[in-house]
Amino acid sequence: VAVTAHKDEIALIVKRIEDDGRLRVENTGGLHPWAIGETPVE
C-alpha cells in the first residue's frame, strides 16, 4: 500500500519584472486572486 499527502502549496510565479520593480505574476495551482486579495507576500 502507498499512502500520499503532498508537500507543496498553491502559490505564485513571477512572469515578468517591470522597470519600476513591480512583479507581474501567475498562479501555480488553484490560487484565486479574490481568495487572498491585497496580501503581504515573500
PDB file of all heavy atoms in Angstrom:
ATOM      1  N   VAL A   1       0.845  -1.189   0.000  1.00  0.00           N
ATOM      2  CA  VAL A   1       0.000   0.000   0.000  1.00  0.00           C
ATOM      3  C   VAL A   1       0.884   1.243   0.000  1.00  0.00           C
ATOM      4  O   VAL A   1       1.876   1.306   0.724  1.00  0.00           O
ATOM      5  CB  VAL A   1      -0.912   0.032   1.248  1.00  0.00           C
ATOM      6  CG1 VAL A   1      -1.793   1.280   1.241  1.00  0.00           C
ATOM      7  CG2 VAL A   1      -1.776  -1.223   1.314  1.00  0.00           C
ATOM      8  N   ALA A   2       0.502   2.230  -0.806  1.00  0.00           N
ATOM      9  CA  ALA A   2       1.128   3.555  -0.759  1.00  0.00           C
ATOM     10  C   ALA A   2       0.120   4.550  -0.197  1.00  0.00           C
ATOM     11  O   ALA A   2      -1.068   4.507  -0.538  1.00  0.00           O
ATOM     12  CB  ALA A   2       1.574   3.996  -2.147  1.00  0.00           C
ATOM     13  N   VAL A   3       0.586   5.427   0.686  1.00  0.00           N
ATOM     14  CA  VAL A   3      -0.254   6.483   1.256  1.00  0.00           C
ATOM     15  C   VAL A   3       0.421   7.817   0.944  1.00  0.00           C
ATOM     16  O   VAL A   3       1.606   7.990   1.231  1.00  0.00           O
ATOM     17  CB  VAL A   3      -0.419   6.329   2.779  1.00  0.00           C
ATOM     18  CG1 VAL A   3      -1.366   7.404   3.315  1.00  0.00           C
ATOM     19  CG2 VAL A   3      -0.926   4.939   3.130  1.00  0.00           C
ATOM     20  N   THR A   4      -0.326   8.747   0.368  1.00  0.00           N
ATOM     21  CA  THR A   4       0.270  10.016  -0.033  1.00  0.00           C
ATOM     22  C   THR A   4      -0.388  11.198   0.669  1.00  0.00           C
ATOM     23  O   THR A   4      -1.594  11.209   0.920  1.00  0.00           O
ATOM     24  CB  THR A   4       0.161  10.253  -1.551  1.00  0.00           C
ATOM     25  OG1 THR A   4      -1.190  10.566  -1.881  1.00  0.00           O
ATOM     26  CG2 THR A   4       0.615   9.032  -2.338  1.00  0.00           C
ATOM     27  N   ALA A   5       0.449  12.182   0.992  1.00  0.00           N
ATOM     28  CA  ALA A   5      -0.002  13.519   1.370  1.00  0.00           C
ATOM     29  C   ALA A   5       1.008  14.473   0.738  1.00  0.00           C
ATOM     30  O   ALA A   5       2.214  14.208   0.777  1.00  0.00           O
ATOM     31  CB  ALA A   5      -0.039  13.693   2.882  1.00  0.00           C
ATOM     32  N   HIS A   6       0.565  15.558   0.153  1.00  0.00           N
ATOM     33  CA  HIS A   6       1.504  16.347  -0.655  1.00  0.00           C
ATOM     34  C   HIS A   6       2.175  17.467   0.137  1.00  0.00           C
ATOM     35  O   HIS A   6       1.615  18.023   1.074  1.00  0.00           O
ATOM     36  CB  HIS A   6       0.826  16.880  -1.913  1.00  0.00           C
ATOM     37  CG  HIS A   6      -0.293  17.857  -1.701  1.00  0.00           C
ATOM     38  ND1 HIS A   6      -0.085  19.201  -1.547  1.00  0.00           N
ATOM     39  CD2 HIS A   6      -1.635  17.681  -1.675  1.00  0.00           C
ATOM     40  CE1 HIS A   6      -1.247  19.816  -1.416  1.00  0.00           C
ATOM     41  NE2 HIS A   6      -2.208  18.919  -1.486  1.00  0.00           N
ATOM     42  N   LYS A   7       3.400  17.780  -0.299  1.00  0.00           N
ATOM     43  CA  LYS A   7       4.223  18.787   0.360  1.00  0.00           C
ATOM     44  C   LYS A   7       3.937  20.200  -0.122  1.00  0.00           C
ATOM     45  O   LYS A   7       4.133  21.172   0.618  1.00  0.00           O
ATOM     46  CB  LYS A   7       5.714  18.500   0.097  1.00  0.00           C
ATOM     47  CG  LYS A   7       6.229  17.191   0.659  1.00  0.00           C
ATOM     48  CD  LYS A   7       7.736  17.060   0.438  1.00  0.00           C
ATOM     49  CE  LYS A   7       8.089  16.461  -0.909  1.00  0.00           C
ATOM     50  NZ  LYS A   7       8.456  17.418  -1.928  1.00  0.00           N
ATOM     51  N   ASP A   8       3.539  20.348  -1.372  1.00  0.00           N
ATOM     52  CA  ASP A   8       3.514  21.677  -1.973  1.00  0.00           C
ATOM     53  C   ASP A   8       2.244  22.438  -1.658  1.00  0.00           C
ATOM     54  O   ASP A   8       1.236  21.865  -1.233  1.00  0.00           O
ATOM     55  CB  ASP A   8       3.734  21.579  -3.477  1.00  0.00           C
ATOM     56  CG  ASP A   8       2.627  20.798  -4.203  1.00  0.00           C
ATOM     57  OD1 ASP A   8       2.151  19.790  -3.636  1.00  0.00           O
ATOM     58  OD2 ASP A   8       2.250  21.202  -5.320  1.00  0.00           O
ATOM     59  N   GLU A   9       2.302  23.743  -1.880  1.00  0.00           N
ATOM     60  CA  GLU A   9       1.183  24.644  -1.640  1.00  0.00           C
ATOM     61  C   GLU A   9       0.872  25.430  -2.906  1.00  0.00           C
ATOM     62  O   GLU A   9       1.735  25.605  -3.779  1.00  0.00           O
ATOM     63  CB  GLU A   9       1.511  25.622  -0.507  1.00  0.00           C
ATOM     64  CG  GLU A   9       2.636  26.586  -0.852  1.00  0.00           C
ATOM     65  CD  GLU A   9       3.192  27.304   0.367  1.00  0.00           C
ATOM     66  OE1 GLU A   9       4.058  26.709   1.042  1.00  0.00           O
ATOM     67  OE2 GLU A   9       2.771  28.443   0.619  1.00  0.00           O
ATOM     68  N   ILE A  10      -0.353  25.916  -3.022  1.00  0.00           N
ATOM     69  CA  ILE A  10      -0.695  26.833  -4.102  1.00  0.00           C
ATOM     70  C   ILE A  10       0.069  28.143  -3.879  1.00  0.00           C
ATOM     71  O   ILE A  10       0.236  28.594  -2.747  1.00  0.00           O
ATOM     72  CB  ILE A  10      -2.206  27.073  -4.189  1.00  0.00           C
ATOM     73  CG1 ILE A  10      -2.779  27.474  -2.818  1.00  0.00           C
ATOM     74  CG2 ILE A  10      -2.908  25.840  -4.725  1.00  0.00           C
ATOM     75  CD1 ILE A  10      -4.249  27.833  -2.845  1.00  0.00           C
ATOM     76  N   ALA A  11       0.547  28.735  -4.958  1.00  0.00           N
ATOM     77  CA  ALA A  11       1.408  29.903  -4.827  1.00  0.00           C
ATOM     78  C   ALA A  11       1.384  30.697  -6.127  1.00  0.00           C
ATOM     79  O   ALA A  11       0.483  30.532  -6.962  1.00  0.00           O
ATOM     80  CB  ALA A  11       2.829  29.465  -4.471  1.00  0.00           C
ATOM     81  N   LEU A  12       2.389  31.560  -6.300  1.00  0.00           N
ATOM     82  CA  LEU A  12       2.512  32.402  -7.479  1.00  0.00           C
ATOM     83  C   LEU A  12       3.907  32.239  -8.073  1.00  0.00           C
ATOM     84  O   LEU A  12       4.850  31.838  -7.382  1.00  0.00           O
ATOM     85  CB  LEU A  12       2.284  33.873  -7.116  1.00  0.00           C
ATOM     86  CG  LEU A  12       0.903  34.217  -6.548  1.00  0.00           C
ATOM     87  CD1 LEU A  12       0.907  35.606  -5.929  1.00  0.00           C
ATOM     88  CD2 LEU A  12      -0.155  34.131  -7.642  1.00  0.00           C
ATOM     89  N   ILE A  13       4.040  32.580  -9.345  1.00  0.00           N
ATOM     90  CA  ILE A  13       5.319  32.535 -10.035  1.00  0.00           C
ATOM     91  C   ILE A  13       5.492  33.838 -10.810  1.00  0.00           C
ATOM     92  O   ILE A  13       4.525  34.358 -11.379  1.00  0.00           O
ATOM     93  CB  ILE A  13       5.401  31.299 -10.952  1.00  0.00           C
ATOM     94  CG1 ILE A  13       6.812  31.102 -11.495  1.00  0.00           C
ATOM     95  CG2 ILE A  13       4.382  31.353 -12.068  1.00  0.00           C
ATOM     96  CD1 ILE A  13       7.019  29.747 -12.162  1.00  0.00           C
ATOM     97  N   VAL A  14       6.703  34.387 -10.793  1.00  0.00           N
ATOM     98  CA  VAL A  14       6.973  35.656 -11.468  1.00  0.00           C
ATOM     99  C   VAL A  14       6.960  35.448 -12.980  1.00  0.00           C
ATOM    100  O   VAL A  14       7.716  34.628 -13.513  1.00  0.00           O
ATOM    101  CB  VAL A  14       8.320  36.250 -11.012  1.00  0.00           C
ATOM    102  CG1 VAL A  14       8.633  37.518 -11.804  1.00  0.00           C
ATOM    103  CG2 VAL A  14       8.290  36.556  -9.515  1.00  0.00           C
ATOM    104  N   LYS A  15       6.120  36.208 -13.659  1.00  0.00           N
ATOM    105  CA  LYS A  15       6.042  36.143 -15.130  1.00  0.00           C
ATOM    106  C   LYS A  15       6.958  37.175 -15.780  1.00  0.00           C
ATOM    107  O   LYS A  15       7.598  36.909 -16.800  1.00  0.00           O
ATOM    108  CB  LYS A  15       4.597  36.359 -15.572  1.00  0.00           C
ATOM    109  CG  LYS A  15       4.406  36.236 -17.083  1.00  0.00           C
ATOM    110  CD  LYS A  15       2.935  36.373 -17.462  1.00  0.00           C
ATOM    111  CE  LYS A  15       2.749  36.192 -18.971  1.00  0.00           C
ATOM    112  NZ  LYS A  15       1.306  36.294 -19.340  1.00  0.00           N
ATOM    113  N   ARG A  16       6.986  38.388 -15.194  1.00  0.00           N
ATOM    114  CA  ARG A  16       7.921  39.401 -15.702  1.00  0.00           C
ATOM    115  C   ARG A  16       8.212  40.416 -14.605  1.00  0.00           C
ATOM    116  O   ARG A  16       7.420  40.593 -13.665  1.00  0.00           O
ATOM    117  CB  ARG A  16       7.394  40.083 -16.959  1.00  0.00           C
ATOM    118  CG  ARG A  16       6.188  40.965 -16.782  1.00  0.00           C
ATOM    119  CD  ARG A  16       5.800  41.612 -18.121  1.00  0.00           C
ATOM    120  NE  ARG A  16       4.731  42.586 -17.967  1.00  0.00           N
ATOM    121  CZ  ARG A  16       3.448  42.296 -18.017  1.00  0.00           C
ATOM    122  NH1 ARG A  16       3.054  41.038 -18.199  1.00  0.00           N
ATOM    123  NH2 ARG A  16       2.535  43.250 -17.883  1.00  0.00           N
ATOM    124  N   ILE A  17       9.360  41.081 -14.760  1.00  0.00           N
ATOM    125  CA  ILE A  17       9.811  42.096 -13.810  1.00  0.00           C
ATOM    126  C   ILE A  17       9.806  43.433 -14.537  1.00  0.00           C
ATOM    127  O   ILE A  17      10.527  43.617 -15.520  1.00  0.00           O
ATOM    128  CB  ILE A  17      11.221  41.778 -13.291  1.00  0.00           C
ATOM    129  CG1 ILE A  17      11.253  40.384 -12.644  1.00  0.00           C
ATOM    130  CG2 ILE A  17      11.676  42.845 -12.288  1.00  0.00           C
ATOM    131  CD1 ILE A  17      12.639  39.899 -12.291  1.00  0.00           C
ATOM    132  N   GLU A  18       8.990  44.367 -14.082  1.00  0.00           N
ATOM    133  CA  GLU A  18       8.895  45.661 -14.738  1.00  0.00           C
ATOM    134  C   GLU A  18       9.968  46.613 -14.221  1.00  0.00           C
ATOM    135  O   GLU A  18      10.541  46.400 -13.147  1.00  0.00           O
ATOM    136  CB  GLU A  18       7.484  46.226 -14.549  1.00  0.00           C
ATOM    137  CG  GLU A  18       6.429  45.302 -15.168  1.00  0.00           C
ATOM    138  CD  GLU A  18       5.025  45.854 -15.116  1.00  0.00           C
ATOM    139  OE1 GLU A  18       4.755  46.751 -14.292  1.00  0.00           O
ATOM    140  OE2 GLU A  18       4.182  45.361 -15.895  1.00  0.00           O
ATOM    141  N   ASP A  19      10.236  47.669 -14.970  1.00  0.00           N
ATOM    142  CA  ASP A  19      11.342  48.574 -14.638  1.00  0.00           C
ATOM    143  C   ASP A  19      11.186  49.206 -13.262  1.00  0.00           C
ATOM    144  O   ASP A  19      12.181  49.499 -12.584  1.00  0.00           O
ATOM    145  CB  ASP A  19      11.454  49.676 -15.702  1.00  0.00           C
ATOM    146  CG  ASP A  19      11.928  49.137 -17.048  1.00  0.00           C
ATOM    147  OD1 ASP A  19      12.501  48.020 -17.061  1.00  0.00           O
ATOM    148  OD2 ASP A  19      11.723  49.822 -18.062  1.00  0.00           O
ATOM    149  N   ASP A  20       9.934  49.444 -12.851  1.00  0.00           N
ATOM    150  CA  ASP A  20       9.701  50.070 -11.551  1.00  0.00           C
ATOM    151  C   ASP A  20       9.746  49.074 -10.398  1.00  0.00           C
ATOM    152  O   ASP A  20       9.476  49.436  -9.244  1.00  0.00           O
ATOM    153  CB  ASP A  20       8.370  50.816 -11.552  1.00  0.00           C
ATOM    154  CG  ASP A  20       7.178  49.908 -11.858  1.00  0.00           C
ATOM    155  OD1 ASP A  20       7.376  48.685 -11.993  1.00  0.00           O
ATOM    156  OD2 ASP A  20       6.048  50.428 -11.966  1.00  0.00           O
ATOM    157  N   GLY A  21      10.084  47.809 -10.688  1.00  0.00           N
ATOM    158  CA  GLY A  21      10.198  46.802  -9.638  1.00  0.00           C
ATOM    159  C   GLY A  21       8.918  46.063  -9.338  1.00  0.00           C
ATOM    160  O   GLY A  21       8.905  45.172  -8.477  1.00  0.00           O
ATOM    161  N   ARG A  22       7.854  46.401 -10.051  1.00  0.00           N
ATOM    162  CA  ARG A  22       6.625  45.622  -9.881  1.00  0.00           C
ATOM    163  C   ARG A  22       6.792  44.253 -10.538  1.00  0.00           C
ATOM    164  O   ARG A  22       7.339  44.150 -11.636  1.00  0.00           O
ATOM    165  CB  ARG A  22       5.427  46.342 -10.493  1.00  0.00           C
ATOM    166  CG  ARG A  22       4.979  47.564  -9.692  1.00  0.00           C
ATOM    167  CD  ARG A  22       3.784  48.233 -10.340  1.00  0.00           C
ATOM    168  NE  ARG A  22       3.292  49.335  -9.511  1.00  0.00           N
ATOM    169  CZ  ARG A  22       2.251  50.104  -9.824  1.00  0.00           C
ATOM    170  NH1 ARG A  22       1.591  49.875 -10.959  1.00  0.00           N
ATOM    171  NH2 ARG A  22       1.874  51.076  -9.024  1.00  0.00           N
ATOM    172  N   LEU A  23       6.299  43.228  -9.858  1.00  0.00           N
ATOM    173  CA  LEU A  23       6.364  41.873 -10.386  1.00  0.00           C
ATOM    174  C   LEU A  23       4.984  41.469 -10.879  1.00  0.00           C
ATOM    175  O   LEU A  23       4.004  41.523 -10.124  1.00  0.00           O
ATOM    176  CB  LEU A  23       6.823  40.894  -9.301  1.00  0.00           C
ATOM    177  CG  LEU A  23       8.152  41.199  -8.610  1.00  0.00           C
ATOM    178  CD1 LEU A  23       8.446  40.122  -7.561  1.00  0.00           C
ATOM    179  CD2 LEU A  23       9.294  41.296  -9.603  1.00  0.00           C
ATOM    180  N   ARG A  24       4.901  41.072 -12.129  1.00  0.00           N
ATOM    181  CA  ARG A  24       3.669  40.510 -12.655  1.00  0.00           C
ATOM    182  C   ARG A  24       3.732  39.003 -12.450  1.00  0.00           C
ATOM    183  O   ARG A  24       4.755  38.360 -12.737  1.00  0.00           O
ATOM    184  CB  ARG A  24       3.512  40.855 -14.125  1.00  0.00           C
ATOM    185  CG  ARG A  24       3.369  42.351 -14.375  1.00  0.00           C
ATOM    186  CD  ARG A  24       2.052  42.898 -13.824  1.00  0.00           C
ATOM    187  NE  ARG A  24       1.959  44.354 -13.985  1.00  0.00           N
ATOM    188  CZ  ARG A  24       0.855  45.066 -13.796  1.00  0.00           C
ATOM    189  NH1 ARG A  24      -0.265  44.438 -13.436  1.00  0.00           N
ATOM    190  NH2 ARG A  24       0.854  46.370 -13.946  1.00  0.00           N
ATOM    191  N   VAL A  25       2.649  38.428 -11.958  1.00  0.00           N
ATOM    192  CA  VAL A  25       2.672  37.041 -11.506  1.00  0.00           C
ATOM    193  C   VAL A  25       1.512  36.246 -12.086  1.00  0.00           C
ATOM    194  O   VAL A  25       0.493  36.805 -12.500  1.00  0.00           O
ATOM    195  CB  VAL A  25       2.622  36.962  -9.956  1.00  0.00           C
ATOM    196  CG1 VAL A  25       3.890  37.529  -9.344  1.00  0.00           C
ATOM    197  CG2 VAL A  25       1.392  37.688  -9.407  1.00  0.00           C
ATOM    198  N   GLU A  26       1.691  34.944 -12.111  1.00  0.00           N
ATOM    199  CA  GLU A  26       0.627  33.989 -12.407  1.00  0.00           C
ATOM    200  C   GLU A  26       0.576  32.975 -11.279  1.00  0.00           C
ATOM    201  O   GLU A  26       1.544  32.804 -10.532  1.00  0.00           O
ATOM    202  CB  GLU A  26       0.878  33.292 -13.747  1.00  0.00           C
ATOM    203  CG  GLU A  26       0.753  34.197 -14.951  1.00  0.00           C
ATOM    204  CD  GLU A  26       0.875  33.433 -16.263  1.00  0.00           C
ATOM    205  OE1 GLU A  26       1.237  32.230 -16.214  1.00  0.00           O
ATOM    206  OE2 GLU A  26       0.611  34.039 -17.314  1.00  0.00           O
ATOM    207  N   ASN A  27      -0.546  32.267 -11.191  1.00  0.00           N
ATOM    208  CA  ASN A  27      -0.698  31.282 -10.119  1.00  0.00           C
ATOM    209  C   ASN A  27      -0.083  29.948 -10.514  1.00  0.00           C
ATOM    210  O   ASN A  27      -0.001  29.592 -11.679  1.00  0.00           O
ATOM    211  CB  ASN A  27      -2.166  31.091  -9.756  1.00  0.00           C
ATOM    212  CG  ASN A  27      -3.018  30.637 -10.930  1.00  0.00           C
ATOM    213  OD1 ASN A  27      -2.842  31.083 -12.049  1.00  0.00           O
ATOM    214  ND2 ASN A  27      -3.954  29.742 -10.655  1.00  0.00           N
ATOM    215  N   THR A  28       0.392  29.220  -9.508  1.00  0.00           N
ATOM    216  CA  THR A  28       0.767  27.818  -9.671  1.00  0.00           C
ATOM    217  C   THR A  28      -0.195  27.019  -8.793  1.00  0.00           C
ATOM    218  O   THR A  28      -0.160  27.105  -7.572  1.00  0.00           O
ATOM    219  CB  THR A  28       2.226  27.547  -9.249  1.00  0.00           C
ATOM    220  OG1 THR A  28       2.428  27.976  -7.901  1.00  0.00           O
ATOM    221  CG2 THR A  28       3.185  28.293 -10.152  1.00  0.00           C
ATOM    222  N   GLY A  29      -1.075  26.260  -9.424  1.00  0.00           N
ATOM    223  CA  GLY A  29      -2.148  25.609  -8.698  1.00  0.00           C
ATOM    224  C   GLY A  29      -3.348  26.530  -8.574  1.00  0.00           C
ATOM    225  O   GLY A  29      -3.378  27.642  -9.123  1.00  0.00           O
ATOM    226  N   GLY A  30      -4.341  26.086  -7.831  1.00  0.00           N
ATOM    227  CA  GLY A  30      -5.632  26.767  -7.795  1.00  0.00           C
ATOM    228  C   GLY A  30      -5.712  27.923  -6.825  1.00  0.00           C
ATOM    229  O   GLY A  30      -6.606  27.964  -5.966  1.00  0.00           O
ATOM    230  N   LEU A  31      -4.792  28.877  -6.941  1.00  0.00           N
ATOM    231  CA  LEU A  31      -4.843  30.077  -6.108  1.00  0.00           C
ATOM    232  C   LEU A  31      -5.601  31.159  -6.875  1.00  0.00           C
ATOM    233  O   LEU A  31      -5.220  31.537  -7.989  1.00  0.00           O
ATOM    234  CB  LEU A  31      -3.429  30.553  -5.774  1.00  0.00           C
ATOM    235  CG  LEU A  31      -3.323  31.749  -4.828  1.00  0.00           C
ATOM    236  CD1 LEU A  31      -3.949  31.430  -3.471  1.00  0.00           C
ATOM    237  CD2 LEU A  31      -1.868  32.173  -4.661  1.00  0.00           C
ATOM    238  N   HIS A  32      -6.676  31.669  -6.267  1.00  0.00           N
ATOM    239  CA  HIS A  32      -7.519  32.680  -6.902  1.00  0.00           C
ATOM    240  C   HIS A  32      -7.234  34.042  -6.280  1.00  0.00           C
ATOM    241  O   HIS A  32      -7.133  34.157  -5.049  1.00  0.00           O
ATOM    242  CB  HIS A  32      -8.993  32.329  -6.719  1.00  0.00           C
ATOM    243  CG  HIS A  32      -9.357  30.975  -7.265  1.00  0.00           C
ATOM    244  ND1 HIS A  32      -9.449  30.719  -8.624  1.00  0.00           N
ATOM    245  CD2 HIS A  32      -9.622  29.802  -6.640  1.00  0.00           C
ATOM    246  CE1 HIS A  32      -9.759  29.448  -8.812  1.00  0.00           C
ATOM    247  NE2 HIS A  32      -9.881  28.872  -7.624  1.00  0.00           N
ATOM    248  N   PRO A  33      -7.129  35.098  -7.092  1.00  0.00           N
ATOM    249  CA  PRO A  33      -6.784  36.408  -6.521  1.00  0.00           C
ATOM    250  C   PRO A  33      -7.822  36.921  -5.527  1.00  0.00           C
ATOM    251  O   PRO A  33      -7.473  37.557  -4.534  1.00  0.00           O
ATOM    252  CB  PRO A  33      -6.688  37.316  -7.758  1.00  0.00           C
ATOM    253  CG  PRO A  33      -7.441  36.613  -8.838  1.00  0.00           C
ATOM    254  CD  PRO A  33      -7.286  35.154  -8.555  1.00  0.00           C
ATOM    255  N   TRP A  34      -9.094  36.617  -5.783  1.00  0.00           N
ATOM    256  CA  TRP A  34     -10.141  37.091  -4.871  1.00  0.00           C
ATOM    257  C   TRP A  34     -10.144  36.322  -3.552  1.00  0.00           C
ATOM    258  O   TRP A  34     -10.797  36.747  -2.595  1.00  0.00           O
ATOM    259  CB  TRP A  34     -11.509  37.004  -5.534  1.00  0.00           C
ATOM    260  CG  TRP A  34     -11.739  35.776  -6.360  1.00  0.00           C
ATOM    261  CD1 TRP A  34     -11.581  35.656  -7.713  1.00  0.00           C
ATOM    262  CD2 TRP A  34     -12.149  34.481  -5.895  1.00  0.00           C
ATOM    263  NE1 TRP A  34     -11.876  34.373  -8.125  1.00  0.00           N
ATOM    264  CE2 TRP A  34     -12.225  33.631  -7.030  1.00  0.00           C
ATOM    265  CE3 TRP A  34     -12.459  33.955  -4.649  1.00  0.00           C
ATOM    266  CZ2 TRP A  34     -12.600  32.291  -6.940  1.00  0.00           C
ATOM    267  CZ3 TRP A  34     -12.830  32.618  -4.551  1.00  0.00           C
ATOM    268  CH2 TRP A  34     -12.895  31.805  -5.686  1.00  0.00           C
ATOM    269  N   ALA A  35      -9.412  35.202  -3.478  1.00  0.00           N
ATOM    270  CA  ALA A  35      -9.377  34.432  -2.232  1.00  0.00           C
ATOM    271  C   ALA A  35      -8.357  34.991  -1.237  1.00  0.00           C
ATOM    272  O   ALA A  35      -8.450  34.709  -0.042  1.00  0.00           O
ATOM    273  CB  ALA A  35      -9.051  32.971  -2.522  1.00  0.00           C
ATOM    274  N   ILE A  36      -7.380  35.768  -1.736  1.00  0.00           N
ATOM    275  CA  ILE A  36      -6.373  36.298  -0.807  1.00  0.00           C
ATOM    276  C   ILE A  36      -6.276  37.815  -0.848  1.00  0.00           C
ATOM    277  O   ILE A  36      -5.834  38.432   0.119  1.00  0.00           O
ATOM    278  CB  ILE A  36      -4.985  35.672  -1.047  1.00  0.00           C
ATOM    279  CG1 ILE A  36      -4.512  35.903  -2.481  1.00  0.00           C
ATOM    280  CG2 ILE A  36      -5.013  34.186  -0.728  1.00  0.00           C
ATOM    281  CD1 ILE A  36      -3.077  35.433  -2.712  1.00  0.00           C
ATOM    282  N   GLY A  37      -6.676  38.466  -1.959  1.00  0.00           N
ATOM    283  CA  GLY A  37      -6.698  39.917  -2.011  1.00  0.00           C
ATOM    284  C   GLY A  37      -5.332  40.552  -1.854  1.00  0.00           C
ATOM    285  O   GLY A  37      -4.300  39.966  -2.185  1.00  0.00           O
ATOM    286  N   GLU A  38      -5.321  41.792  -1.371  1.00  0.00           N
ATOM    287  CA  GLU A  38      -4.057  42.510  -1.151  1.00  0.00           C
ATOM    288  C   GLU A  38      -3.401  41.950   0.113  1.00  0.00           C
ATOM    289  O   GLU A  38      -3.904  42.136   1.221  1.00  0.00           O
ATOM    290  CB  GLU A  38      -4.317  44.006  -1.028  1.00  0.00           C
ATOM    291  CG  GLU A  38      -4.749  44.615  -2.345  1.00  0.00           C
ATOM    292  CD  GLU A  38      -5.072  46.091  -2.262  1.00  0.00           C
ATOM    293  OE1 GLU A  38      -5.625  46.512  -1.224  1.00  0.00           O
ATOM    294  OE2 GLU A  38      -4.791  46.802  -3.227  1.00  0.00           O
ATOM    295  N   THR A  39      -2.302  41.269  -0.082  1.00  0.00           N
ATOM    296  CA  THR A  39      -1.727  40.442   0.975  1.00  0.00           C
ATOM    297  C   THR A  39      -0.206  40.590   1.000  1.00  0.00           C
ATOM    298  O   THR A  39       0.416  40.654  -0.067  1.00  0.00           O
ATOM    299  CB  THR A  39      -2.070  38.958   0.719  1.00  0.00           C
ATOM    300  OG1 THR A  39      -3.482  38.815   0.594  1.00  0.00           O
ATOM    301  CG2 THR A  39      -1.565  38.065   1.843  1.00  0.00           C
ATOM    302  N   PRO A  40       0.413  40.626   2.169  1.00  0.00           N
ATOM    303  CA  PRO A  40       1.880  40.559   2.226  1.00  0.00           C
ATOM    304  C   PRO A  40       2.373  39.216   1.696  1.00  0.00           C
ATOM    305  O   PRO A  40       1.784  38.174   1.993  1.00  0.00           O
ATOM    306  CB  PRO A  40       2.179  40.706   3.721  1.00  0.00           C
ATOM    307  CG  PRO A  40       0.963  41.303   4.317  1.00  0.00           C
ATOM    308  CD  PRO A  40      -0.178  40.798   3.492  1.00  0.00           C
ATOM    309  N   VAL A  41       3.425  39.248   0.911  1.00  0.00           N
ATOM    310  CA  VAL A  41       3.985  38.035   0.329  1.00  0.00           C
ATOM    311  C   VAL A  41       5.497  38.030   0.512  1.00  0.00           C
ATOM    312  O   VAL A  41       6.100  39.043   0.907  1.00  0.00           O
ATOM    313  CB  VAL A  41       3.640  37.923  -1.179  1.00  0.00           C
ATOM    314  CG1 VAL A  41       2.145  37.773  -1.391  1.00  0.00           C
ATOM    315  CG2 VAL A  41       4.186  39.121  -1.968  1.00  0.00           C
ATOM    316  N   GLU A  42       6.086  36.883   0.230  1.00  0.00           N
ATOM    317  CA  GLU A  42       7.541  36.757   0.205  1.00  0.00           C
ATOM    318  C   GLU A  42       7.957  36.246  -1.167  1.00  0.00           C
ATOM    319  O   GLU A  42       7.369  35.288  -1.690  1.00  0.00           O
ATOM    320  CB  GLU A  42       8.025  35.794   1.292  1.00  0.00           C
ATOM    321  CG  GLU A  42       7.765  36.297   2.703  1.00  0.00           C
ATOM    322  CD  GLU A  42       8.290  35.342   3.761  1.00  0.00           C
ATOM    323  OE1 GLU A  42       9.435  34.854   3.635  1.00  0.00           O
ATOM    324  OE2 GLU A  42       7.541  35.060   4.714  1.00  0.00           O
TER     325      GLU A  42
END
